[in-house]
PDB file of all heavy atoms in Angstrom:
ATOM      1  N   ARG A   1     116.421  33.926 154.279  1.00  0.00           N
ATOM      2  CA  ARG A   1     115.410  33.207 155.055  1.00  0.00           C
ATOM      3  C   ARG A   1     115.574  33.463 156.558  1.00  0.00           C
ATOM      4  O   ARG A   1     114.607  33.775 157.255  1.00  0.00           O
ATOM      5  CB  ARG A   1     115.482  31.710 154.749  1.00  0.00           C
ATOM      6  CG  ARG A   1     114.345  30.910 155.360  1.00  0.00           C
ATOM      7  CD  ARG A   1     114.188  29.554 154.686  1.00  0.00           C
ATOM      8  NE  ARG A   1     115.206  28.593 155.103  1.00  0.00           N
ATOM      9  CZ  ARG A   1     116.162  28.136 154.312  1.00  0.00           C
ATOM     10  NH1 ARG A   1     116.275  28.566 153.072  1.00  0.00           N
ATOM     11  NH2 ARG A   1     117.036  27.251 154.761  1.00  0.00           N
ATOM     12  N   VAL A   2     116.794  33.366 157.031  1.00  0.00           N
ATOM     13  CA  VAL A   2     117.033  33.545 158.470  1.00  0.00           C
ATOM     14  C   VAL A   2     116.835  35.005 158.881  1.00  0.00           C
ATOM     15  O   VAL A   2     116.164  35.302 159.873  1.00  0.00           O
ATOM     16  CB  VAL A   2     118.454  33.077 158.848  1.00  0.00           C
ATOM     17  CG1 VAL A   2     118.736  33.365 160.324  1.00  0.00           C
ATOM     18  CG2 VAL A   2     118.616  31.590 158.566  1.00  0.00           C
ATOM     19  N   TYR A   3     117.401  35.923 158.116  1.00  0.00           N
ATOM     20  CA  TYR A   3     117.334  37.336 158.492  1.00  0.00           C
ATOM     21  C   TYR A   3     115.904  37.869 158.431  1.00  0.00           C
ATOM     22  O   TYR A   3     115.514  38.700 159.257  1.00  0.00           O
ATOM     23  CB  TYR A   3     118.268  38.163 157.610  1.00  0.00           C
ATOM     24  CG  TYR A   3     119.741  37.995 157.926  1.00  0.00           C
ATOM     25  CD1 TYR A   3     120.720  38.272 156.977  1.00  0.00           C
ATOM     26  CD2 TYR A   3     120.168  37.551 159.182  1.00  0.00           C
ATOM     27  CE1 TYR A   3     122.069  38.138 157.266  1.00  0.00           C
ATOM     28  CE2 TYR A   3     121.500  37.397 159.471  1.00  0.00           C
ATOM     29  CZ  TYR A   3     122.458  37.691 158.516  1.00  0.00           C
ATOM     30  OH  TYR A   3     123.793  37.548 158.819  1.00  0.00           O
ATOM     31  N   SER A   4     115.114  37.401 157.475  1.00  0.00           N
ATOM     32  CA  SER A   4     113.711  37.827 157.425  1.00  0.00           C
ATOM     33  C   SER A   4     112.970  37.364 158.672  1.00  0.00           C
ATOM     34  O   SER A   4     112.168  38.105 159.254  1.00  0.00           O
ATOM     35  CB  SER A   4     113.027  37.267 156.172  1.00  0.00           C
ATOM     36  OG  SER A   4     113.595  37.799 155.002  1.00  0.00           O
ATOM     37  N   GLN A   5     113.254  36.151 159.090  1.00  0.00           N
ATOM     38  CA  GLN A   5     112.576  35.614 160.274  1.00  0.00           C
ATOM     39  C   GLN A   5     112.963  36.349 161.541  1.00  0.00           C
ATOM     40  O   GLN A   5     112.109  36.645 162.389  1.00  0.00           O
ATOM     41  CB  GLN A   5     112.871  34.116 160.417  1.00  0.00           C
ATOM     42  CG  GLN A   5     112.218  33.239 159.357  1.00  0.00           C
ATOM     43  CD  GLN A   5     110.704  33.222 159.471  1.00  0.00           C
ATOM     44  OE1 GLN A   5     110.142  33.496 160.523  1.00  0.00           O
ATOM     45  NE2 GLN A   5     110.032  32.913 158.372  1.00  0.00           N
ATOM     46  N   VAL A   6     114.255  36.660 161.707  1.00  0.00           N
ATOM     47  CA  VAL A   6     114.672  37.303 162.958  1.00  0.00           C
ATOM     48  C   VAL A   6     114.158  38.738 163.035  1.00  0.00           C
ATOM     49  O   VAL A   6     113.744  39.202 164.108  1.00  0.00           O
ATOM     50  CB  VAL A   6     116.208  37.235 163.145  1.00  0.00           C
ATOM     51  CG1 VAL A   6     116.961  38.137 162.193  1.00  0.00           C
ATOM     52  CG2 VAL A   6     116.580  37.586 164.585  1.00  0.00           C
ATOM     53  N   VAL A   7     114.137  39.455 161.915  1.00  0.00           N
ATOM     54  CA  VAL A   7     113.605  40.821 161.935  1.00  0.00           C
ATOM     55  C   VAL A   7     112.111  40.799 162.248  1.00  0.00           C
ATOM     56  O   VAL A   7     111.622  41.583 163.071  1.00  0.00           O
ATOM     57  CB  VAL A   7     113.885  41.537 160.600  1.00  0.00           C
ATOM     58  CG1 VAL A   7     113.134  42.867 160.533  1.00  0.00           C
ATOM     59  CG2 VAL A   7     115.388  41.784 160.440  1.00  0.00           C
ATOM     60  N   LYS A   8     111.382  39.888 161.628  1.00  0.00           N
ATOM     61  CA  LYS A   8     109.944  39.794 161.890  1.00  0.00           C
ATOM     62  C   LYS A   8     109.669  39.374 163.339  1.00  0.00           C
ATOM     63  O   LYS A   8     108.786  39.920 163.995  1.00  0.00           O
ATOM     64  CB  LYS A   8     109.295  38.812 160.920  1.00  0.00           C
ATOM     65  CG  LYS A   8     109.232  39.311 159.487  1.00  0.00           C
ATOM     66  CD  LYS A   8     108.741  38.251 158.526  1.00  0.00           C
ATOM     67  CE  LYS A   8     107.281  37.928 158.728  1.00  0.00           C
ATOM     68  NZ  LYS A   8     106.793  36.988 157.684  1.00  0.00           N
ATOM     69  N   ARG A   9     110.428  38.419 163.822  1.00  0.00           N
ATOM     70  CA  ARG A   9     110.201  37.935 165.193  1.00  0.00           C
ATOM     71  C   ARG A   9     110.490  39.020 166.219  1.00  0.00           C
ATOM     72  O   ARG A   9     109.721  39.206 167.167  1.00  0.00           O
ATOM     73  CB  ARG A   9     111.076  36.713 165.460  1.00  0.00           C
ATOM     74  CG  ARG A   9     110.974  36.155 166.893  1.00  0.00           C
ATOM     75  CD  ARG A   9     109.582  35.640 167.215  1.00  0.00           C
ATOM     76  NE  ARG A   9     109.238  34.496 166.370  1.00  0.00           N
ATOM     77  CZ  ARG A   9     108.043  33.915 166.364  1.00  0.00           C
ATOM     78  NH1 ARG A   9     107.094  34.361 167.161  1.00  0.00           N
ATOM     79  NH2 ARG A   9     107.798  32.901 165.547  1.00  0.00           N
ATOM     80  N   THR A  10     111.586  39.738 166.050  1.00  0.00           N
ATOM     81  CA  THR A  10     111.908  40.778 167.034  1.00  0.00           C
ATOM     82  C   THR A  10     110.912  41.935 166.964  1.00  0.00           C
ATOM     83  O   THR A  10     110.489  42.445 168.000  1.00  0.00           O
ATOM     84  CB  THR A  10     113.349  41.291 166.834  1.00  0.00           C
ATOM     85  OG1 THR A  10     113.543  41.691 165.470  1.00  0.00           O
ATOM     86  CG2 THR A  10     114.361  40.223 167.194  1.00  0.00           C
ATOM     87  N   LEU A  11     110.501  42.330 165.763  1.00  0.00           N
ATOM     88  CA  LEU A  11     109.486  43.383 165.649  1.00  0.00           C
ATOM     89  C   LEU A  11     108.181  42.949 166.295  1.00  0.00           C
ATOM     90  O   LEU A  11     107.542  43.719 167.018  1.00  0.00           O
ATOM     91  CB  LEU A  11     109.241  43.728 164.181  1.00  0.00           C
ATOM     92  CG  LEU A  11     110.184  44.736 163.528  1.00  0.00           C
ATOM     93  CD1 LEU A  11     109.896  44.837 162.041  1.00  0.00           C
ATOM     94  CD2 LEU A  11     110.060  46.113 164.188  1.00  0.00           C
ATOM     95  N   ARG A  12     107.781  41.718 166.034  1.00  0.00           N
ATOM     96  CA  ARG A  12     106.528  41.212 166.607  1.00  0.00           C
ATOM     97  C   ARG A  12     106.593  41.222 168.135  1.00  0.00           C
ATOM     98  O   ARG A  12     105.573  41.388 168.810  1.00  0.00           O
ATOM     99  CB  ARG A  12     106.267  39.798 166.087  1.00  0.00           C
ATOM    100  CG  ARG A  12     104.846  39.279 166.349  1.00  0.00           C
ATOM    101  CD  ARG A  12     104.676  37.865 165.831  1.00  0.00           C
ATOM    102  NE  ARG A  12     104.818  37.798 164.385  1.00  0.00           N
ATOM    103  CZ  ARG A  12     105.702  37.027 163.736  1.00  0.00           C
ATOM    104  NH1 ARG A  12     106.562  36.282 164.430  1.00  0.00           N
ATOM    105  NH2 ARG A  12     105.752  37.005 162.432  1.00  0.00           N
ATOM    106  N   ASN A  13     107.782  41.054 168.675  1.00  0.00           N
ATOM    107  CA  ASN A  13     107.961  41.073 170.131  1.00  0.00           C
ATOM    108  C   ASN A  13     108.279  42.463 170.665  1.00  0.00           C
ATOM    109  O   ASN A  13     108.648  42.600 171.826  1.00  0.00           O
ATOM    110  CB  ASN A  13     109.045  40.077 170.535  1.00  0.00           C
ATOM    111  CG  ASN A  13     108.539  38.651 170.590  1.00  0.00           C
ATOM    112  OD1 ASN A  13     107.873  38.251 171.540  1.00  0.00           O
ATOM    113  ND2 ASN A  13     108.826  37.878 169.549  1.00  0.00           N
ATOM    114  N   GLY A  14     108.149  43.475 169.819  1.00  0.00           N
ATOM    115  CA  GLY A  14     108.247  44.853 170.310  1.00  0.00           C
ATOM    116  C   GLY A  14     109.609  45.491 170.221  1.00  0.00           C
ATOM    117  O   GLY A  14     109.805  46.594 170.747  1.00  0.00           O
ATOM    118  N   THR A  15     110.577  44.843 169.554  1.00  0.00           N
ATOM    119  CA  THR A  15     111.900  45.434 169.402  1.00  0.00           C
ATOM    120  C   THR A  15     111.874  46.407 168.234  1.00  0.00           C
ATOM    121  O   THR A  15     111.911  45.990 167.065  1.00  0.00           O
ATOM    122  CB  THR A  15     112.970  44.350 169.165  1.00  0.00           C
ATOM    123  OG1 THR A  15     113.007  43.474 170.289  1.00  0.00           O
ATOM    124  CG2 THR A  15     114.347  44.980 168.975  1.00  0.00           C
ATOM    125  N   THR A  16     111.816  47.685 168.536  1.00  0.00           N
ATOM    126  CA  THR A  16     111.793  48.696 167.480  1.00  0.00           C
ATOM    127  C   THR A  16     113.196  49.096 167.047  1.00  0.00           C
ATOM    128  O   THR A  16     113.386  49.590 165.938  1.00  0.00           O
ATOM    129  CB  THR A  16     111.027  49.945 167.936  1.00  0.00           C
ATOM    130  OG1 THR A  16     111.592  50.419 169.173  1.00  0.00           O
ATOM    131  CG2 THR A  16     109.552  49.633 168.155  1.00  0.00           C
ATOM    132  N   THR A  17     114.182  48.878 167.911  1.00  0.00           N
ATOM    133  CA  THR A  17     115.593  49.157 167.586  1.00  0.00           C
ATOM    134  C   THR A  17     116.426  47.935 167.933  1.00  0.00           C
ATOM    135  O   THR A  17     116.311  47.402 169.045  1.00  0.00           O
ATOM    136  CB  THR A  17     116.125  50.366 168.373  1.00  0.00           C
ATOM    137  OG1 THR A  17     115.358  51.522 168.050  1.00  0.00           O
ATOM    138  CG2 THR A  17     117.589  50.626 168.050  1.00  0.00           C
ATOM    139  N   ALA A  18     117.259  47.484 166.979  1.00  0.00           N
ATOM    140  CA  ALA A  18     118.121  46.329 167.228  1.00  0.00           C
ATOM    141  C   ALA A  18     119.538  46.641 166.773  1.00  0.00           C
ATOM    142  O   ALA A  18     119.745  47.259 165.728  1.00  0.00           O
ATOM    143  CB  ALA A  18     117.601  45.099 166.494  1.00  0.00           C
ATOM    144  N   CYS A  19     120.501  46.197 167.575  1.00  0.00           N
ATOM    145  CA  CYS A  19     121.922  46.322 167.231  1.00  0.00           C
ATOM    146  C   CYS A  19     122.412  44.921 166.876  1.00  0.00           C
ATOM    147  O   CYS A  19     122.605  44.076 167.763  1.00  0.00           O
ATOM    148  CB  CYS A  19     122.706  46.903 168.401  1.00  0.00           C
ATOM    149  SG  CYS A  19     124.397  47.368 167.997  1.00  0.00           S
ATOM    150  N   TYR A  20     122.575  44.672 165.576  1.00  0.00           N
ATOM    151  CA  TYR A  20     122.800  43.331 165.055  1.00  0.00           C
ATOM    152  C   TYR A  20     124.264  43.039 164.748  1.00  0.00           C
ATOM    153  O   TYR A  20     124.952  43.838 164.111  1.00  0.00           O
ATOM    154  CB  TYR A  20     122.042  43.144 163.740  1.00  0.00           C
ATOM    155  CG  TYR A  20     120.548  42.998 163.845  1.00  0.00           C
ATOM    156  CD1 TYR A  20     119.701  43.913 163.230  1.00  0.00           C
ATOM    157  CD2 TYR A  20     119.967  41.911 164.507  1.00  0.00           C
ATOM    158  CE1 TYR A  20     118.323  43.771 163.273  1.00  0.00           C
ATOM    159  CE2 TYR A  20     118.590  41.753 164.563  1.00  0.00           C
ATOM    160  CZ  TYR A  20     117.774  42.690 163.946  1.00  0.00           C
ATOM    161  OH  TYR A  20     116.407  42.539 163.998  1.00  0.00           O
ATOM    162  N   PHE A  21     124.713  41.850 165.164  1.00  0.00           N
ATOM    163  CA  PHE A  21     125.880  41.211 164.591  1.00  0.00           C
ATOM    164  C   PHE A  21     125.387  40.374 163.414  1.00  0.00           C
ATOM    165  O   PHE A  21     124.413  39.625 163.546  1.00  0.00           O
ATOM    166  CB  PHE A  21     126.528  40.251 165.594  1.00  0.00           C
ATOM    167  CG  PHE A  21     127.594  40.856 166.458  1.00  0.00           C
ATOM    168  CD1 PHE A  21     127.287  41.865 167.364  1.00  0.00           C
ATOM    169  CD2 PHE A  21     128.893  40.387 166.412  1.00  0.00           C
ATOM    170  CE1 PHE A  21     128.260  42.396 168.184  1.00  0.00           C
ATOM    171  CE2 PHE A  21     129.874  40.917 167.238  1.00  0.00           C
ATOM    172  CZ  PHE A  21     129.566  41.934 168.119  1.00  0.00           C
ATOM    173  N   ALA A  22     126.062  40.466 162.271  1.00  0.00           N
ATOM    174  CA  ALA A  22     125.771  39.577 161.153  1.00  0.00           C
ATOM    175  C   ALA A  22     126.872  38.516 161.118  1.00  0.00           C
ATOM    176  O   ALA A  22     127.082  37.822 162.109  1.00  0.00           O
ATOM    177  CB  ALA A  22     125.683  40.375 159.852  1.00  0.00           C
ATOM    178  N   THR A  23     127.578  38.391 159.993  1.00  0.00           N
ATOM    179  CA  THR A  23     128.698  37.450 159.886  1.00  0.00           C
ATOM    180  C   THR A  23     129.849  38.161 159.166  1.00  0.00           C
ATOM    181  O   THR A  23     129.785  39.364 158.930  1.00  0.00           O
ATOM    182  CB  THR A  23     128.294  36.195 159.072  1.00  0.00           C
ATOM    183  OG1 THR A  23     127.990  36.602 157.722  1.00  0.00           O
ATOM    184  CG2 THR A  23     127.086  35.510 159.685  1.00  0.00           C
ATOM    185  N   ILE A  24     130.862  37.397 158.769  1.00  0.00           N
ATOM    186  CA  ILE A  24     131.996  37.997 158.066  1.00  0.00           C
ATOM    187  C   ILE A  24     131.663  38.295 156.610  1.00  0.00           C
ATOM    188  O   ILE A  24     132.462  38.921 155.911  1.00  0.00           O
ATOM    189  CB  ILE A  24     133.252  37.102 158.135  1.00  0.00           C
ATOM    190  CG1 ILE A  24     133.052  35.805 157.350  1.00  0.00           C
ATOM    191  CG2 ILE A  24     133.636  36.816 159.585  1.00  0.00           C
ATOM    192  CD1 ILE A  24     134.311  34.950 157.219  1.00  0.00           C
ATOM    193  N   HIS A  25     130.496  37.873 156.139  1.00  0.00           N
ATOM    194  CA  HIS A  25     130.145  37.966 154.719  1.00  0.00           C
ATOM    195  C   HIS A  25     129.502  39.318 154.410  1.00  0.00           C
ATOM    196  O   HIS A  25     128.438  39.648 154.928  1.00  0.00           O
ATOM    197  CB  HIS A  25     129.198  36.834 154.341  1.00  0.00           C
ATOM    198  CG  HIS A  25     129.693  35.491 154.765  1.00  0.00           C
ATOM    199  ND1 HIS A  25     129.215  34.857 155.905  1.00  0.00           N
ATOM    200  CD2 HIS A  25     130.657  34.683 154.242  1.00  0.00           C
ATOM    201  CE1 HIS A  25     129.834  33.700 156.045  1.00  0.00           C
ATOM    202  NE2 HIS A  25     130.711  33.570 155.056  1.00  0.00           N
ATOM    203  N   THR A  26     130.132  40.089 153.541  1.00  0.00           N
ATOM    204  CA  THR A  26     129.683  41.447 153.260  1.00  0.00           C
ATOM    205  C   THR A  26     128.291  41.475 152.625  1.00  0.00           C
ATOM    206  O   THR A  26     127.415  42.230 153.056  1.00  0.00           O
ATOM    207  CB  THR A  26     130.688  42.155 152.331  1.00  0.00           C
ATOM    208  OG1 THR A  26     131.968  42.161 152.962  1.00  0.00           O
ATOM    209  CG2 THR A  26     130.252  43.583 152.033  1.00  0.00           C
ATOM    210  N   ASP A  27     128.072  40.664 151.604  1.00  0.00           N
ATOM    211  CA  ASP A  27     126.817  40.760 150.858  1.00  0.00           C
ATOM    212  C   ASP A  27     125.618  40.343 151.701  1.00  0.00           C
ATOM    213  O   ASP A  27     124.558  40.980 151.634  1.00  0.00           O
ATOM    214  CB  ASP A  27     126.894  39.919 149.577  1.00  0.00           C
ATOM    215  CG  ASP A  27     127.873  40.512 148.566  1.00  0.00           C
ATOM    216  OD1 ASP A  27     128.018  41.755 148.545  1.00  0.00           O
ATOM    217  OD2 ASP A  27     128.497  39.745 147.814  1.00  0.00           O
ATOM    218  N   SER A  28     125.756  39.311 152.507  1.00  0.00           N
ATOM    219  CA  SER A  28     124.614  38.923 153.338  1.00  0.00           C
ATOM    220  C   SER A  28     124.414  39.909 154.486  1.00  0.00           C
ATOM    221  O   SER A  28     123.291  40.110 154.951  1.00  0.00           O
ATOM    222  CB  SER A  28     124.776  37.491 153.868  1.00  0.00           C
ATOM    223  OG  SER A  28     125.928  37.360 154.661  1.00  0.00           O
ATOM    224  N   SER A  29     125.493  40.565 154.931  1.00  0.00           N
ATOM    225  CA  SER A  29     125.342  41.607 155.952  1.00  0.00           C
ATOM    226  C   SER A  29     124.582  42.798 155.376  1.00  0.00           C
ATOM    227  O   SER A  29     123.724  43.395 156.048  1.00  0.00           O
ATOM    228  CB  SER A  29     126.713  42.046 156.471  1.00  0.00           C
ATOM    229  OG  SER A  29     127.406  40.967 157.060  1.00  0.00           O
ATOM    230  N   LEU A  30     124.878  43.150 154.136  1.00  0.00           N
ATOM    231  CA  LEU A  30     124.115  44.203 153.459  1.00  0.00           C
ATOM    232  C   LEU A  30     122.656  43.793 153.303  1.00  0.00           C
ATOM    233  O   LEU A  30     121.747  44.625 153.419  1.00  0.00           O
ATOM    234  CB  LEU A  30     124.727  44.488 152.085  1.00  0.00           C
ATOM    235  CG  LEU A  30     126.086  45.203 152.087  1.00  0.00           C
ATOM    236  CD1 LEU A  30     126.726  45.149 150.706  1.00  0.00           C
ATOM    237  CD2 LEU A  30     125.928  46.665 152.539  1.00  0.00           C
ATOM    238  N   LEU A  31     122.429  42.511 153.056  1.00  0.00           N
ATOM    239  CA  LEU A  31     121.066  42.004 152.933  1.00  0.00           C
ATOM    240  C   LEU A  31     120.294  42.180 154.233  1.00  0.00           C
ATOM    241  O   LEU A  31     119.109  42.540 154.221  1.00  0.00           O
ATOM    242  CB  LEU A  31     121.102  40.535 152.520  1.00  0.00           C
ATOM    243  CG  LEU A  31     119.760  39.834 152.333  1.00  0.00           C
ATOM    244  CD1 LEU A  31     118.929  40.499 151.238  1.00  0.00           C
ATOM    245  CD2 LEU A  31     119.984  38.347 152.000  1.00  0.00           C
ATOM    246  N   LEU A  32     120.952  41.956 155.362  1.00  0.00           N
ATOM    247  CA  LEU A  32     120.295  42.173 156.656  1.00  0.00           C
ATOM    248  C   LEU A  32     119.860  43.627 156.801  1.00  0.00           C
ATOM    249  O   LEU A  32     118.747  43.912 157.273  1.00  0.00           O
ATOM    250  CB  LEU A  32     121.232  41.779 157.795  1.00  0.00           C
ATOM    251  CG  LEU A  32     120.757  42.075 159.219  1.00  0.00           C
ATOM    252  CD1 LEU A  32     119.411  41.422 159.516  1.00  0.00           C
ATOM    253  CD2 LEU A  32     121.815  41.625 160.237  1.00  0.00           C
ATOM    254  N   GLY A  33     120.706  44.555 156.387  1.00  0.00           N
ATOM    255  CA  GLY A  33     120.334  45.964 156.423  1.00  0.00           C
ATOM    256  C   GLY A  33     119.125  46.249 155.560  1.00  0.00           C
ATOM    257  O   GLY A  33     118.221  46.999 155.945  1.00  0.00           O
ATOM    258  N   GLN A  34     119.083  45.640 154.361  1.00  0.00           N
ATOM    259  CA  GLN A  34     117.947  45.840 153.463  1.00  0.00           C
ATOM    260  C   GLN A  34     116.665  45.291 154.074  1.00  0.00           C
ATOM    261  O   GLN A  34     115.606  45.926 154.003  1.00  0.00           O
ATOM    262  CB  GLN A  34     118.225  45.145 152.131  1.00  0.00           C
ATOM    263  CG  GLN A  34     117.065  45.216 151.145  1.00  0.00           C
ATOM    264  CD  GLN A  34     117.246  44.256 149.988  1.00  0.00           C
ATOM    265  OE1 GLN A  34     118.343  44.113 149.451  1.00  0.00           O
ATOM    266  NE2 GLN A  34     116.176  43.580 149.597  1.00  0.00           N
ATOM    267  N   ILE A  35     116.745  44.126 154.682  1.00  0.00           N
ATOM    268  CA  ILE A  35     115.554  43.498 155.268  1.00  0.00           C
ATOM    269  C   ILE A  35     115.034  44.324 156.441  1.00  0.00           C
ATOM    270  O   ILE A  35     113.822  44.545 156.582  1.00  0.00           O
ATOM    271  CB  ILE A  35     115.868  42.050 155.682  1.00  0.00           C
ATOM    272  CG1 ILE A  35     116.082  41.191 154.429  1.00  0.00           C
ATOM    273  CG2 ILE A  35     114.765  41.469 156.554  1.00  0.00           C
ATOM    274  CD1 ILE A  35     116.672  39.821 154.703  1.00  0.00           C
ATOM    275  N   ALA A  36     115.933  44.793 157.296  1.00  0.00           N
ATOM    276  CA  ALA A  36     115.514  45.650 158.408  1.00  0.00           C
ATOM    277  C   ALA A  36     114.822  46.898 157.873  1.00  0.00           C
ATOM    278  O   ALA A  36     113.781  47.329 158.386  1.00  0.00           O
ATOM    279  CB  ALA A  36     116.706  46.023 159.277  1.00  0.00           C
ATOM    280  N   ASN A  37     115.388  47.488 156.824  1.00  0.00           N
ATOM    281  CA  ASN A  37     114.776  48.673 156.223  1.00  0.00           C
ATOM    282  C   ASN A  37     113.401  48.348 155.635  1.00  0.00           C
ATOM    283  O   ASN A  37     112.438  49.100 155.824  1.00  0.00           O
ATOM    284  CB  ASN A  37     115.685  49.219 155.125  1.00  0.00           C
ATOM    285  CG  ASN A  37     115.050  50.374 154.364  1.00  0.00           C
ATOM    286  OD1 ASN A  37     114.929  51.490 154.868  1.00  0.00           O
ATOM    287  ND2 ASN A  37     114.610  50.117 153.132  1.00  0.00           N
ATOM    288  N   ASP A  38     113.284  47.227 154.935  1.00  0.00           N
ATOM    289  CA  ASP A  38     112.024  46.872 154.295  1.00  0.00           C
ATOM    290  C   ASP A  38     110.902  46.678 155.310  1.00  0.00           C
ATOM    291  O   ASP A  38     109.759  47.061 155.063  1.00  0.00           O
ATOM    292  CB  ASP A  38     112.190  45.587 153.471  1.00  0.00           C
ATOM    293  CG  ASP A  38     112.999  45.801 152.203  1.00  0.00           C
ATOM    294  OD1 ASP A  38     113.219  46.973 151.830  1.00  0.00           O
ATOM    295  OD2 ASP A  38     113.420  44.808 151.594  1.00  0.00           O
ATOM    296  N   PHE A  39     111.235  46.081 156.447  1.00  0.00           N
ATOM    297  CA  PHE A  39     110.216  45.858 157.476  1.00  0.00           C
ATOM    298  C   PHE A  39     110.042  47.057 158.406  1.00  0.00           C
ATOM    299  O   PHE A  39     109.137  47.071 159.236  1.00  0.00           O
ATOM    300  CB  PHE A  39     110.540  44.603 158.289  1.00  0.00           C
ATOM    301  CG  PHE A  39     110.178  43.319 157.594  1.00  0.00           C
ATOM    302  CD1 PHE A  39     111.154  42.524 157.026  1.00  0.00           C
ATOM    303  CD2 PHE A  39     108.855  42.920 157.490  1.00  0.00           C
ATOM    304  CE1 PHE A  39     110.831  41.344 156.374  1.00  0.00           C
ATOM    305  CE2 PHE A  39     108.514  41.744 156.848  1.00  0.00           C
ATOM    306  CZ  PHE A  39     109.501  40.951 156.287  1.00  0.00           C
ATOM    307  N   GLY A  40     110.928  48.051 158.292  1.00  0.00           N
ATOM    308  CA  GLY A  40     110.762  49.283 159.051  1.00  0.00           C
ATOM    309  C   GLY A  40     111.378  49.281 160.427  1.00  0.00           C
ATOM    310  O   GLY A  40     111.024  50.112 161.271  1.00  0.00           O
TER     311      GLY A  40
END
């Protein structure tokens, strides 16, 4: 829920490239990568 919102919000504001910190959790960090890829 959070990662989908931040990727959409930054893209909508013109951020085509983002350097993201996630958290210590491997699986949710991988999820952030998937979401960024899905939204382009």
